[in-house]
Protein backbone atom coordinates (compact mmCIF):
# COMPACT_ATOMS: atom_id res chain seq x y z
CA MET A 1 12.80 -5.68 -28.78
CA ALA A 2 10.86 -5.27 -25.55
CA ASN A 3 8.94 -8.16 -24.06
CA THR A 4 5.24 -7.55 -24.72
CA THR A 5 3.92 -10.29 -22.42
CA PRO A 6 1.94 -8.66 -19.59
CA HIS A 7 2.75 -9.54 -16.01
CA THR A 8 -0.38 -10.95 -14.38
CA VAL A 9 -1.10 -10.90 -10.64
CA ASP A 10 -4.28 -12.72 -9.64
CA SER A 11 -3.86 -12.21 -5.92
CA MET A 12 -1.11 -11.96 -3.33
CA PRO A 13 0.69 -15.26 -2.68
CA GLU A 14 -0.51 -16.83 0.54
CA ALA A 15 3.05 -16.80 1.88
CA ALA A 16 3.10 -12.98 1.54
CA LYS A 17 -0.05 -12.52 3.61
CA LYS A 18 0.53 -12.26 7.33
CA LYS A 19 -2.25 -13.92 9.27
CA ASN A 20 -2.01 -11.54 12.27
CA ARG A 21 -2.87 -8.35 10.32
CA GLU A 22 -6.08 -6.58 11.17
CA THR A 23 -8.08 -5.82 8.05
CA ALA A 24 -10.92 -3.34 7.79
CA GLN A 25 -13.14 -1.69 5.25
CA LEU A 26 -11.84 1.73 4.24
CA ILE A 27 -14.18 4.73 4.57
CA VAL A 28 -12.97 8.14 3.30
CA LYS A 29 -15.22 11.18 3.79
CA GLY A 30 -18.21 8.89 4.35
CA ARG A 31 -17.64 6.83 1.19
CA ALA A 32 -16.53 3.20 1.10
CA VAL A 33 -13.33 2.73 -0.91
CA ARG A 34 -12.66 -0.36 -2.98
CA CYS A 35 -9.31 -1.39 -4.46
CA PRO A 36 -8.94 0.18 -7.93
CA MET A 37 -7.12 -2.94 -9.18
CA CYS A 38 -9.24 -5.86 -7.97
CA ASN A 39 -12.36 -4.21 -6.45
CA HIS A 40 -11.68 -5.86 -3.07
CA GLU A 41 -13.00 -3.99 -0.02
CA TRP A 42 -10.65 -5.09 2.80
CA PHE A 43 -7.40 -3.26 3.59
CA TRP A 44 -4.69 -3.26 6.24
CA GLU A 45 -2.75 -0.20 7.39
CA LYS A 46 0.99 0.37 7.05
CA ARG A 47 3.01 3.39 8.20
CA VAL A 48 5.59 4.52 5.64
CA LEU A 49 8.35 7.14 5.61
CA LEU A 50 8.26 9.80 2.90
CA ASN A 51 11.96 10.01 2.06
CA SER A 52 13.42 13.21 0.65
CA ARG A 53 16.74 13.61 -1.16
CA GLY A 54 18.05 16.19 1.28
CA MET A 55 17.39 14.14 4.40
CA THR A 56 18.79 11.01 2.75
CA PHE A 57 21.93 12.90 1.69
CA MET A 58 22.52 13.97 5.29
CA GLY A 59 21.82 10.45 6.63
CA LEU A 60 18.64 11.57 8.40
CA ASP A 61 16.13 9.22 6.75
CA TRP A 62 14.66 8.45 10.16
CA ALA A 63 13.58 12.12 10.52
CA ASN A 64 11.42 12.15 7.37
CA ARG A 65 7.67 12.65 7.60
CA GLU A 66 5.43 9.63 7.99
CA SER A 67 2.28 8.78 6.05
CA ARG A 68 -0.42 6.13 6.09
CA ALA A 69 -0.68 3.54 3.37
CA MET A 70 -3.66 1.23 3.05
CA VAL A 71 -2.79 -2.11 1.43
CA CYS A 72 -5.42 -4.23 -0.33
CA ASP A 73 -5.64 -7.55 1.49
CA ASP A 74 -6.23 -9.41 -1.78
CA CYS A 75 -3.87 -8.04 -4.45
CA GLY A 76 -1.48 -5.89 -2.36
CA HIS A 77 -2.17 -2.62 -4.22
CA VAL A 78 -1.10 0.33 -2.03
CA LEU A 79 -3.14 3.51 -1.51
CA PHE A 80 -1.32 6.44 0.13
CA PHE A 81 -3.01 9.04 2.34
CA ALA A 82 -1.42 12.26 3.55
CA ARG A 83 -3.77 12.65 6.51
């Protein structure tokens, strides 16, 4: 039988937060964005690679396209943006 106890995350552990990250409010098309999980309004930016099976198969992961991810500074929820 599957475990039915939900996993609860109140906020990111302090050890996981880097103190030298620049946080900012996120504005998309003139509208302020809040975290859909915790309603926090401060995010930090992370560049991520969009891996594809073909490039990984050929050992060319480094050549994959890059995207922006905005990470909630409170709970760590990640929002991806193509542009």
